[in-house]
């Protein structure tokens, strides 16, 4: 159902069951999946792809060109998965020649006034609370939760199943499975509650705790911690995933407890 007070380009593709309410504007070269609802006063620019069963609330602006002086008009997109909620006044910008797209996965929730800049890559089941600001090229892996007013520096990488405390400033990468808080941002323990809620066993949680105890608590720098993990903890999918994240970090990872 499209309100007669909405403006929808004839070159936009809206699948079955899409609702567009009054005073929303949908430009050409937009694709919106089945049963997605667009509330009043939403603006969706060319190059936007939104999946099925999504909901976009008033004041959201999606697919506008990036705030990047290097952008030269190249064709880029915003791609949003299925069952994702975009709340009031969220802004999501198109990609640049770096990634050619800004992407957000399935089952995500972006609360009020979140900003997602160009070339960000957000996984599935991610929650960004109100006023989170992501600079360009930020990567957020599945099931991460960022509390309100978190600000992430460009090119930051936030690992899966992380929990970042409110009003934090992310200047370095955050490895998977942990909580991060304080200023400057530091390791604040393993996200054990969130992991158990998502089906991780007690043994898996203990293994994660063992890795981070050796990385952050028993050693006074990251390189010594990595070496100790390799020498004293047996190889496993969890251990190796954490090590790969830490060792591949260009920015370096956050520090341990002070």
C-alpha atoms as a PDB file:
ATOM      1  CA  UNK A   1       0.000   0.000   0.000  1.00  0.00           C
ATOM      2  CA  UNK A   2       1.438   3.354  -1.042  1.00  0.00           C
ATOM      3  CA  UNK A   3      -0.059   6.545   0.361  1.00  0.00           C
ATOM      4  CA  UNK A   4      -1.194   9.016  -2.271  1.00  0.00           C
ATOM      5  CA  UNK A   5       0.789  11.604  -0.284  1.00  0.00           C
ATOM      6  CA  UNK A   6       4.062   9.686  -0.713  1.00  0.00           C
ATOM      7  CA  UNK A   7       6.457  10.238  -3.608  1.00  0.00           C
ATOM      8  CA  UNK A   8       7.680   6.969  -5.118  1.00  0.00           C
ATOM      9  CA  UNK A   9       9.669   6.855  -8.340  1.00  0.00           C
ATOM     10  CA  UNK A  10       8.299   4.681 -11.119  1.00  0.00           C
ATOM     11  CA  UNK A  11      11.834   3.259 -11.380  1.00  0.00           C
ATOM     12  CA  UNK A  12      11.833   1.986  -7.792  1.00  0.00           C
ATOM     13  CA  UNK A  13      11.024  -1.698  -7.266  1.00  0.00           C
ATOM     14  CA  UNK A  14       8.699  -2.441  -4.354  1.00  0.00           C
ATOM     15  CA  UNK A  15       7.836  -6.068  -3.751  1.00  0.00           C
ATOM     16  CA  UNK A  16       4.529  -7.454  -2.526  1.00  0.00           C
ATOM     17  CA  UNK A  17       3.190  -6.139   0.764  1.00  0.00           C
ATOM     18  CA  UNK A  18       5.385  -3.029   1.006  1.00  0.00           C
ATOM     19  CA  UNK A  19       3.756  -0.128   2.852  1.00  0.00           C
ATOM     20  CA  UNK A  20       4.828   3.466   2.194  1.00  0.00           C
ATOM     21  CA  UNK A  21       3.165   6.064   4.386  1.00  0.00           C
ATOM     22  CA  UNK A  22       2.528   9.764   3.760  1.00  0.00           C
ATOM     23  CA  UNK A  23       5.305  12.246   2.959  1.00  0.00           C
ATOM     24  CA  UNK A  24       7.978   9.637   2.393  1.00  0.00           C
ATOM     25  CA  UNK A  25      10.160   9.936  -0.720  1.00  0.00           C
ATOM     26  CA  UNK A  26      11.614   6.940  -2.557  1.00  0.00           C
ATOM     27  CA  UNK A  27      13.892   7.740  -5.479  1.00  0.00           C
ATOM     28  CA  UNK A  28      14.739   5.706  -8.576  1.00  0.00           C
ATOM     29  CA  UNK A  29      17.060   2.689  -8.370  1.00  0.00           C
ATOM     30  CA  UNK A  30      15.672   1.597  -5.000  1.00  0.00           C
ATOM     31  CA  UNK A  31      14.631  -1.984  -4.215  1.00  0.00           C
ATOM     32  CA  UNK A  32      12.467  -2.774  -1.176  1.00  0.00           C
ATOM     33  CA  UNK A  33      11.654  -6.353  -0.195  1.00  0.00           C
ATOM     34  CA  UNK A  34       8.298  -7.902   0.613  1.00  0.00           C
ATOM     35  CA  UNK A  35       6.301  -6.753   3.651  1.00  0.00           C
ATOM     36  CA  UNK A  36       8.661  -3.931   4.572  1.00  0.00           C
ATOM     37  CA  UNK A  37       7.028  -0.856   6.112  1.00  0.00           C
ATOM     38  CA  UNK A  38       8.212   2.682   5.410  1.00  0.00           C
ATOM     39  CA  UNK A  39       6.800   5.132   7.949  1.00  0.00           C
ATOM     40  CA  UNK A  40       6.023   8.817   7.198  1.00  0.00           C
ATOM     41  CA  UNK A  41       8.779  11.309   6.359  1.00  0.00           C
ATOM     42  CA  UNK A  42      11.418   8.770   5.333  1.00  0.00           C
ATOM     43  CA  UNK A  43      13.819   9.583   2.485  1.00  0.00           C
ATOM     44  CA  UNK A  44      15.385   6.738   0.513  1.00  0.00           C
ATOM     45  CA  UNK A  45      17.935   7.714  -2.124  1.00  0.00           C
ATOM     46  CA  UNK A  46      19.090   5.896  -5.290  1.00  0.00           C
ATOM     47  CA  UNK A  47      21.238   2.831  -4.828  1.00  0.00           C
ATOM     48  CA  UNK A  48      19.426   1.599  -1.724  1.00  0.00           C
ATOM     49  CA  UNK A  49      18.503  -2.066  -1.322  1.00  0.00           C
ATOM     50  CA  UNK A  50      16.301  -3.003   1.642  1.00  0.00           C
ATOM     51  CA  UNK A  51      15.310  -6.593   2.389  1.00  0.00           C
ATOM     52  CA  UNK A  52      12.013  -8.170   3.417  1.00  0.00           C
ATOM     53  CA  UNK A  53      10.103  -7.612   6.684  1.00  0.00           C
ATOM     54  CA  UNK A  54      12.064  -4.499   7.575  1.00  0.00           C
ATOM     55  CA  UNK A  55      10.669  -1.363   9.185  1.00  0.00           C
ATOM     56  CA  UNK A  56      11.957   2.181   8.659  1.00  0.00           C
ATOM     57  CA  UNK A  57      10.689   4.848  11.039  1.00  0.00           C
ATOM     58  CA  UNK A  58      10.068   8.594  10.546  1.00  0.00           C
ATOM     59  CA  UNK A  59      12.976  10.886   9.763  1.00  0.00           C
ATOM     60  CA  UNK A  60      15.350   8.168   8.547  1.00  0.00           C
ATOM     61  CA  UNK A  61      17.544   9.032   5.567  1.00  0.00           C
ATOM     62  CA  UNK A  62      19.065   6.088   3.685  1.00  0.00           C
ATOM     63  CA  UNK A  63      21.379   5.995   0.676  1.00  0.00           C
ATOM     64  CA  UNK A  64      22.448   9.633   0.529  1.00  0.00           C
ATOM     65  CA  UNK A  65      25.919  10.263  -0.896  1.00  0.00           C
ATOM     66  CA  UNK A  66      28.799   9.951   1.593  1.00  0.00           C
ATOM     67  CA  UNK A  67      30.374  12.772   3.563  1.00  0.00           C
ATOM     68  CA  UNK A  68      33.776  11.942   2.117  1.00  0.00           C
ATOM     69  CA  UNK A  69      35.748  14.499   0.114  1.00  0.00           C
ATOM     70  CA  UNK A  70      37.302  11.668  -1.914  1.00  0.00           C
ATOM     71  CA  UNK A  71      33.879  10.611  -3.224  1.00  0.00           C
ATOM     72  CA  UNK A  72      33.816  11.334  -6.939  1.00  0.00           C
ATOM     73  CA  UNK A  73      30.321  10.310  -7.922  1.00  0.00           C
ATOM     74  CA  UNK A  74      31.102   6.615  -8.376  1.00  0.00           C
ATOM     75  CA  UNK A  75      28.141   4.223  -8.383  1.00  0.00           C
ATOM     76  CA  UNK A  76      27.744   2.777  -4.904  1.00  0.00           C
ATOM     77  CA  UNK A  77      24.966   1.307  -2.784  1.00  0.00           C
ATOM     78  CA  UNK A  78      23.477   0.770   0.647  1.00  0.00           C
ATOM     79  CA  UNK A  79      22.401  -2.841   1.229  1.00  0.00           C
ATOM     80  CA  UNK A  80      20.215  -3.782   4.210  1.00  0.00           C
ATOM     81  CA  UNK A  81      19.198  -7.355   5.021  1.00  0.00           C
ATOM     82  CA  UNK A  82      15.908  -8.858   6.162  1.00  0.00           C
ATOM     83  CA  UNK A  83      13.966  -8.141   9.354  1.00  0.00           C
ATOM     84  CA  UNK A  84      16.062  -5.118  10.272  1.00  0.00           C
ATOM     85  CA  UNK A  85      14.583  -2.142  12.130  1.00  0.00           C
ATOM     86  CA  UNK A  86      15.719   1.405  11.355  1.00  0.00           C
ATOM     87  CA  UNK A  87      14.374   3.771  14.011  1.00  0.00           C
ATOM     88  CA  UNK A  88      13.709   7.506  13.943  1.00  0.00           C
ATOM     89  CA  UNK A  89      16.234   9.845  12.328  1.00  0.00           C
ATOM     90  CA  UNK A  90      18.847   7.208  11.505  1.00  0.00           C
ATOM     91  CA  UNK A  91      21.200   8.176   8.661  1.00  0.00           C
ATOM     92  CA  UNK A  92      22.940   5.593   6.458  1.00  0.00           C
ATOM     93  CA  UNK A  93      25.296   6.742   3.691  1.00  0.00           C
ATOM     94  CA  UNK A  94      26.303   5.023   0.463  1.00  0.00           C
ATOM     95  CA  UNK A  95      29.739   3.516  -0.018  1.00  0.00           C
ATOM     96  CA  UNK A  96      32.748   4.907  -1.853  1.00  0.00           C
ATOM     97  CA  UNK A  97      35.262   3.300  -4.199  1.00  0.00           C
ATOM     98  CA  UNK A  98      36.787   1.507  -1.189  1.00  0.00           C
ATOM     99  CA  UNK A  99      33.987  -1.047  -0.659  1.00  0.00           C
ATOM    100  CA  UNK A 100      31.429   0.276  -3.176  1.00  0.00           C
ATOM    101  CA  UNK A 101      28.702  -0.343  -0.624  1.00  0.00           C
ATOM    102  CA  UNK A 102      27.602   0.196   2.941  1.00  0.00           C
ATOM    103  CA  UNK A 103      26.004  -2.978   4.270  1.00  0.00           C
ATOM    104  CA  UNK A 104      23.828  -3.935   7.221  1.00  0.00           C
ATOM    105  CA  UNK A 105      22.817  -7.541   7.818  1.00  0.00           C
ATOM    106  CA  UNK A 106      19.691  -9.376   8.914  1.00  0.00           C
ATOM    107  CA  UNK A 107      17.828  -8.944  12.222  1.00  0.00           C
ATOM    108  CA  UNK A 108      19.601  -5.741  13.194  1.00  0.00           C
ATOM    109  CA  UNK A 109      18.230  -2.874  15.288  1.00  0.00           C
ATOM    110  CA  UNK A 110      19.473   0.660  14.744  1.00  0.00           C
ATOM    111  CA  UNK A 111      17.917   2.906  17.387  1.00  0.00           C
ATOM    112  CA  UNK A 112      17.211   6.643  17.151  1.00  0.00           C
ATOM    113  CA  UNK A 113      19.793   9.010  15.673  1.00  0.00           C
ATOM    114  CA  UNK A 114      22.318   6.319  14.784  1.00  0.00           C
ATOM    115  CA  UNK A 115      24.708   7.348  11.998  1.00  0.00           C
ATOM    116  CA  UNK A 116      26.299   4.750   9.707  1.00  0.00           C
ATOM    117  CA  UNK A 117      28.920   6.324   7.452  1.00  0.00           C
ATOM    118  CA  UNK A 118      30.209   5.197   4.074  1.00  0.00           C
ATOM    119  CA  UNK A 119      31.602   1.690   3.571  1.00  0.00           C
ATOM    120  CA  UNK A 120      30.637   0.401   7.004  1.00  0.00           C
ATOM    121  CA  UNK A 121      30.058  -3.353   7.062  1.00  0.00           C
ATOM    122  CA  UNK A 122      27.631  -4.453   9.794  1.00  0.00           C
ATOM    123  CA  UNK A 123      26.856  -8.131  10.334  1.00  0.00           C
ATOM    124  CA  UNK A 124      23.696  -9.921  11.456  1.00  0.00           C
ATOM    125  CA  UNK A 125      21.869  -9.495  14.772  1.00  0.00           C
ATOM    126  CA  UNK A 126      23.726  -6.302  15.636  1.00  0.00           C
ATOM    127  CA  UNK A 127      22.197  -3.708  17.980  1.00  0.00           C
ATOM    128  CA  UNK A 128      23.274  -0.058  17.811  1.00  0.00           C
ATOM    129  CA  UNK A 129      21.617   1.957  20.574  1.00  0.00           C
ATOM    130  CA  UNK A 130      20.622   5.602  20.284  1.00  0.00           C
ATOM    131  CA  UNK A 131      23.194   8.150  19.110  1.00  0.00           C
ATOM    132  CA  UNK A 132      25.828   5.597  18.112  1.00  0.00           C
ATOM    133  CA  UNK A 133      28.089   7.155  15.487  1.00  0.00           C
ATOM    134  CA  UNK A 134      30.131   5.041  13.082  1.00  0.00           C
ATOM    135  CA  UNK A 135      32.802   6.743  11.005  1.00  0.00           C
ATOM    136  CA  UNK A 136      33.617   5.414   7.566  1.00  0.00           C
ATOM    137  CA  UNK A 137      34.855   1.861   6.925  1.00  0.00           C
ATOM    138  CA  UNK A 138      33.912   0.481  10.368  1.00  0.00           C
ATOM    139  CA  UNK A 139      33.342  -3.292  10.526  1.00  0.00           C
ATOM    140  CA  UNK A 140      30.996  -4.783  13.121  1.00  0.00           C
ATOM    141  CA  UNK A 141      30.679  -8.561  13.307  1.00  0.00           C
ATOM    142  CA  UNK A 142      27.567 -10.591  14.197  1.00  0.00           C
ATOM    143  CA  UNK A 143      25.741 -10.184  17.524  1.00  0.00           C
ATOM    144  CA  UNK A 144      27.704  -7.138  18.656  1.00  0.00           C
ATOM    145  CA  UNK A 145      25.877  -4.640  20.885  1.00  0.00           C
ATOM    146  CA  UNK A 146      26.925  -0.991  21.159  1.00  0.00           C
ATOM    147  CA  UNK A 147      25.211   0.998  23.909  1.00  0.00           C
ATOM    148  CA  UNK A 148      24.094   4.603  23.498  1.00  0.00           C
ATOM    149  CA  UNK A 149      26.436   7.389  22.366  1.00  0.00           C
ATOM    150  CA  UNK A 150      29.287   5.079  21.399  1.00  0.00           C
ATOM    151  CA  UNK A 151      31.516   6.658  18.755  1.00  0.00           C
ATOM    152  CA  UNK A 152      33.751   4.539  16.517  1.00  0.00           C
ATOM    153  CA  UNK A 153      36.789   5.893  14.686  1.00  0.00           C
ATOM    154  CA  UNK A 154      37.149   5.081  10.986  1.00  0.00           C
ATOM    155  CA  UNK A 155      38.386   1.598  10.053  1.00  0.00           C
ATOM    156  CA  UNK A 156      37.692   0.210  13.543  1.00  0.00           C
ATOM    157  CA  UNK A 157      36.815  -3.490  13.707  1.00  0.00           C
ATOM    158  CA  UNK A 158      34.411  -4.670  16.412  1.00  0.00           C
ATOM    159  CA  UNK A 159      34.334  -8.431  16.882  1.00  0.00           C
ATOM    160  CA  UNK A 160      31.395 -10.804  17.168  1.00  0.00           C
ATOM    161  CA  UNK A 161      29.435 -11.093  20.420  1.00  0.00           C
ATOM    162  CA  UNK A 162      31.022  -7.986  21.900  1.00  0.00           C
ATOM    163  CA  UNK A 163      29.294  -5.577  24.267  1.00  0.00           C
ATOM    164  CA  UNK A 164      30.501  -1.959  24.318  1.00  0.00           C
ATOM    165  CA  UNK A 165      29.462   0.249  27.233  1.00  0.00           C
ATOM    166  CA  UNK A 166      27.635   3.522  26.688  1.00  0.00           C
ATOM    167  CA  UNK A 167      29.471   6.710  25.675  1.00  0.00           C
ATOM    168  CA  UNK A 168      32.631   4.770  24.815  1.00  0.00           C
ATOM    169  CA  UNK A 169      35.134   6.042  22.248  1.00  0.00           C
ATOM    170  CA  UNK A 170      36.381   3.243  19.992  1.00  0.00           C
ATOM    171  CA  UNK A 171      39.854   4.070  18.683  1.00  0.00           C
ATOM    172  CA  UNK A 172      41.238   0.528  18.470  1.00  0.00           C
ATOM    173  CA  UNK A 173      39.808  -2.848  17.441  1.00  0.00           C
ATOM    174  CA  UNK A 174      37.722  -4.859  19.913  1.00  0.00           C
ATOM    175  CA  UNK A 175      38.314  -8.641  19.831  1.00  0.00           C
ATOM    176  CA  UNK A 176      35.315 -11.030  19.823  1.00  0.00           C
ATOM    177  CA  UNK A 177      33.376 -12.276  22.858  1.00  0.00           C
ATOM    178  CA  UNK A 178      34.303  -9.501  25.289  1.00  0.00           C
ATOM    179  CA  UNK A 179      32.872  -6.493  27.102  1.00  0.00           C
ATOM    180  CA  UNK A 180      34.594  -3.142  26.672  1.00  0.00           C
ATOM    181  CA  UNK A 181      34.149   0.008  28.735  1.00  0.00           C
ATOM    182  CA  UNK A 182      35.926   2.898  30.534  1.00  0.00           C
ATOM    183  CA  UNK A 183      38.037   5.716  29.092  1.00  0.00           C
ATOM    184  CA  UNK A 184      40.335   4.944  27.431  1.00  0.00           C
ATOM    185  CA  UNK A 185      38.412   1.913  26.258  1.00  0.00           C
ATOM    186  CA  UNK A 186      39.616  -1.277  27.941  1.00  0.00           C
ATOM    187  CA  UNK A 187      38.806  -4.956  28.301  1.00  0.00           C
ATOM    188  CA  UNK A 188      36.086  -5.350  30.953  1.00  0.00           C
ATOM    189  CA  UNK A 189      35.656  -9.121  30.969  1.00  0.00           C
ATOM    190  CA  UNK A 190      34.156 -11.802  28.776  1.00  0.00           C
ATOM    191  CA  UNK A 191      30.559 -11.302  27.613  1.00  0.00           C
ATOM    192  CA  UNK A 192      29.569 -14.560  29.317  1.00  0.00           C
ATOM    193  CA  UNK A 193      25.888 -13.694  29.815  1.00  0.00           C
ATOM    194  CA  UNK A 194      25.410 -12.820  26.151  1.00  0.00           C
ATOM    195  CA  UNK A 195      27.305 -15.895  25.003  1.00  0.00           C
ATOM    196  CA  UNK A 196      25.199 -18.270  27.109  1.00  0.00           C
ATOM    197  CA  UNK A 197      22.017 -16.622  25.844  1.00  0.00           C
ATOM    198  CA  UNK A 198      23.166 -17.400  22.313  1.00  0.00           C
ATOM    199  CA  UNK A 199      23.851 -21.050  22.986  1.00  0.00           C
ATOM    200  CA  UNK A 200      27.518 -21.172  23.929  1.00  0.00           C
ATOM    201  CA  UNK A 201      28.195 -23.973  26.414  1.00  0.00           C
ATOM    202  CA  UNK A 202      29.826 -23.503  29.813  1.00  0.00           C
ATOM    203  CA  UNK A 203      32.942 -25.239  28.472  1.00  0.00           C
ATOM    204  CA  UNK A 204      33.148 -22.849  25.525  1.00  0.00           C
ATOM    205  CA  UNK A 205      32.717 -19.828  27.775  1.00  0.00           C
ATOM    206  CA  UNK A 206      35.455 -21.102  30.082  1.00  0.00           C
ATOM    207  CA  UNK A 207      37.755 -21.582  27.101  1.00  0.00           C
ATOM    208  CA  UNK A 208      37.134 -17.996  26.011  1.00  0.00           C
ATOM    209  CA  UNK A 209      37.822 -16.820  29.572  1.00  0.00           C
ATOM    210  CA  UNK A 210      41.099 -18.779  29.603  1.00  0.00           C
ATOM    211  CA  UNK A 211      42.263 -17.126  26.394  1.00  0.00           C
ATOM    212  CA  UNK A 212      41.499 -13.607  27.561  1.00  0.00           C
ATOM    213  CA  UNK A 213      42.911 -14.215  31.035  1.00  0.00           C
ATOM    214  CA  UNK A 214      46.208 -15.070  29.400  1.00  0.00           C
ATOM    215  CA  UNK A 215      45.968 -12.203  26.902  1.00  0.00           C
ATOM    216  CA  UNK A 216      44.882  -9.400  29.201  1.00  0.00           C
ATOM    217  CA  UNK A 217      45.393 -10.376  32.850  1.00  0.00           C
ATOM    218  CA  UNK A 218      48.499 -12.533  33.109  1.00  0.00           C
ATOM    219  CA  UNK A 219      50.627 -10.599  30.625  1.00  0.00           C
ATOM    220  CA  UNK A 220      51.460  -6.922  30.493  1.00  0.00           C
ATOM    221  CA  UNK A 221      51.334  -6.492  26.733  1.00  0.00           C
ATOM    222  CA  UNK A 222      49.459  -7.992  23.807  1.00  0.00           C
ATOM    223  CA  UNK A 223      52.416  -9.573  22.024  1.00  0.00           C
ATOM    224  CA  UNK A 224      53.500 -11.458  25.167  1.00  0.00           C
ATOM    225  CA  UNK A 225      49.910 -12.549  25.707  1.00  0.00           C
ATOM    226  CA  UNK A 226      49.616 -13.890  22.159  1.00  0.00           C
ATOM    227  CA  UNK A 227      52.844 -15.835  22.523  1.00  0.00           C
ATOM    228  CA  UNK A 228      51.735 -17.305  25.865  1.00  0.00           C
ATOM    229  CA  UNK A 229      48.421 -18.413  24.375  1.00  0.00           C
ATOM    230  CA  UNK A 230      50.197 -20.192  21.535  1.00  0.00           C
ATOM    231  CA  UNK A 231      52.567 -21.937  23.952  1.00  0.00           C
ATOM    232  CA  UNK A 232      50.159 -22.941  26.716  1.00  0.00           C
ATOM    233  CA  UNK A 233      46.631 -23.294  25.288  1.00  0.00           C
ATOM    234  CA  UNK A 234      45.733 -26.059  22.821  1.00  0.00           C
ATOM    235  CA  UNK A 235      44.609 -25.111  19.336  1.00  0.00           C
ATOM    236  CA  UNK A 236      40.845 -24.882  18.875  1.00  0.00           C
ATOM    237  CA  UNK A 237      38.363 -22.996  16.742  1.00  0.00           C
ATOM    238  CA  UNK A 238      37.739 -20.463  19.507  1.00  0.00           C
ATOM    239  CA  UNK A 239      41.405 -19.938  20.412  1.00  0.00           C
ATOM    240  CA  UNK A 240      42.436 -19.603  16.789  1.00  0.00           C
ATOM    241  CA  UNK A 241      39.590 -17.216  15.947  1.00  0.00           C
ATOM    242  CA  UNK A 242      40.655 -14.859  18.738  1.00  0.00           C
ATOM    243  CA  UNK A 243      44.324 -15.070  17.803  1.00  0.00           C
ATOM    244  CA  UNK A 244      43.563 -14.413  14.136  1.00  0.00           C
ATOM    245  CA  UNK A 245      41.558 -11.313  15.064  1.00  0.00           C
ATOM    246  CA  UNK A 246      44.277  -9.939  17.334  1.00  0.00           C
ATOM    247  CA  UNK A 247      47.179 -10.670  14.993  1.00  0.00           C
ATOM    248  CA  UNK A 248      45.435  -9.290  11.900  1.00  0.00           C
ATOM    249  CA  UNK A 249      44.466  -5.998  13.548  1.00  0.00           C
ATOM    250  CA  UNK A 250      46.008  -3.023  11.741  1.00  0.00           C
ATOM    251  CA  UNK A 251      44.991  -0.516  14.401  1.00  0.00           C
ATOM    252  CA  UNK A 252      45.878  -2.731  17.345  1.00  0.00           C
ATOM    253  CA  UNK A 253      43.353  -4.009  19.876  1.00  0.00           C
ATOM    254  CA  UNK A 254      42.097  -2.330  23.013  1.00  0.00           C
ATOM    255  CA  UNK A 255      44.205  -2.570  26.147  1.00  0.00           C
ATOM    256  CA  UNK A 256      43.675  -4.748  29.177  1.00  0.00           C
ATOM    257  CA  UNK A 257      42.344  -3.793  32.588  1.00  0.00           C
ATOM    258  CA  UNK A 258      44.155  -0.936  34.278  1.00  0.00           C
END
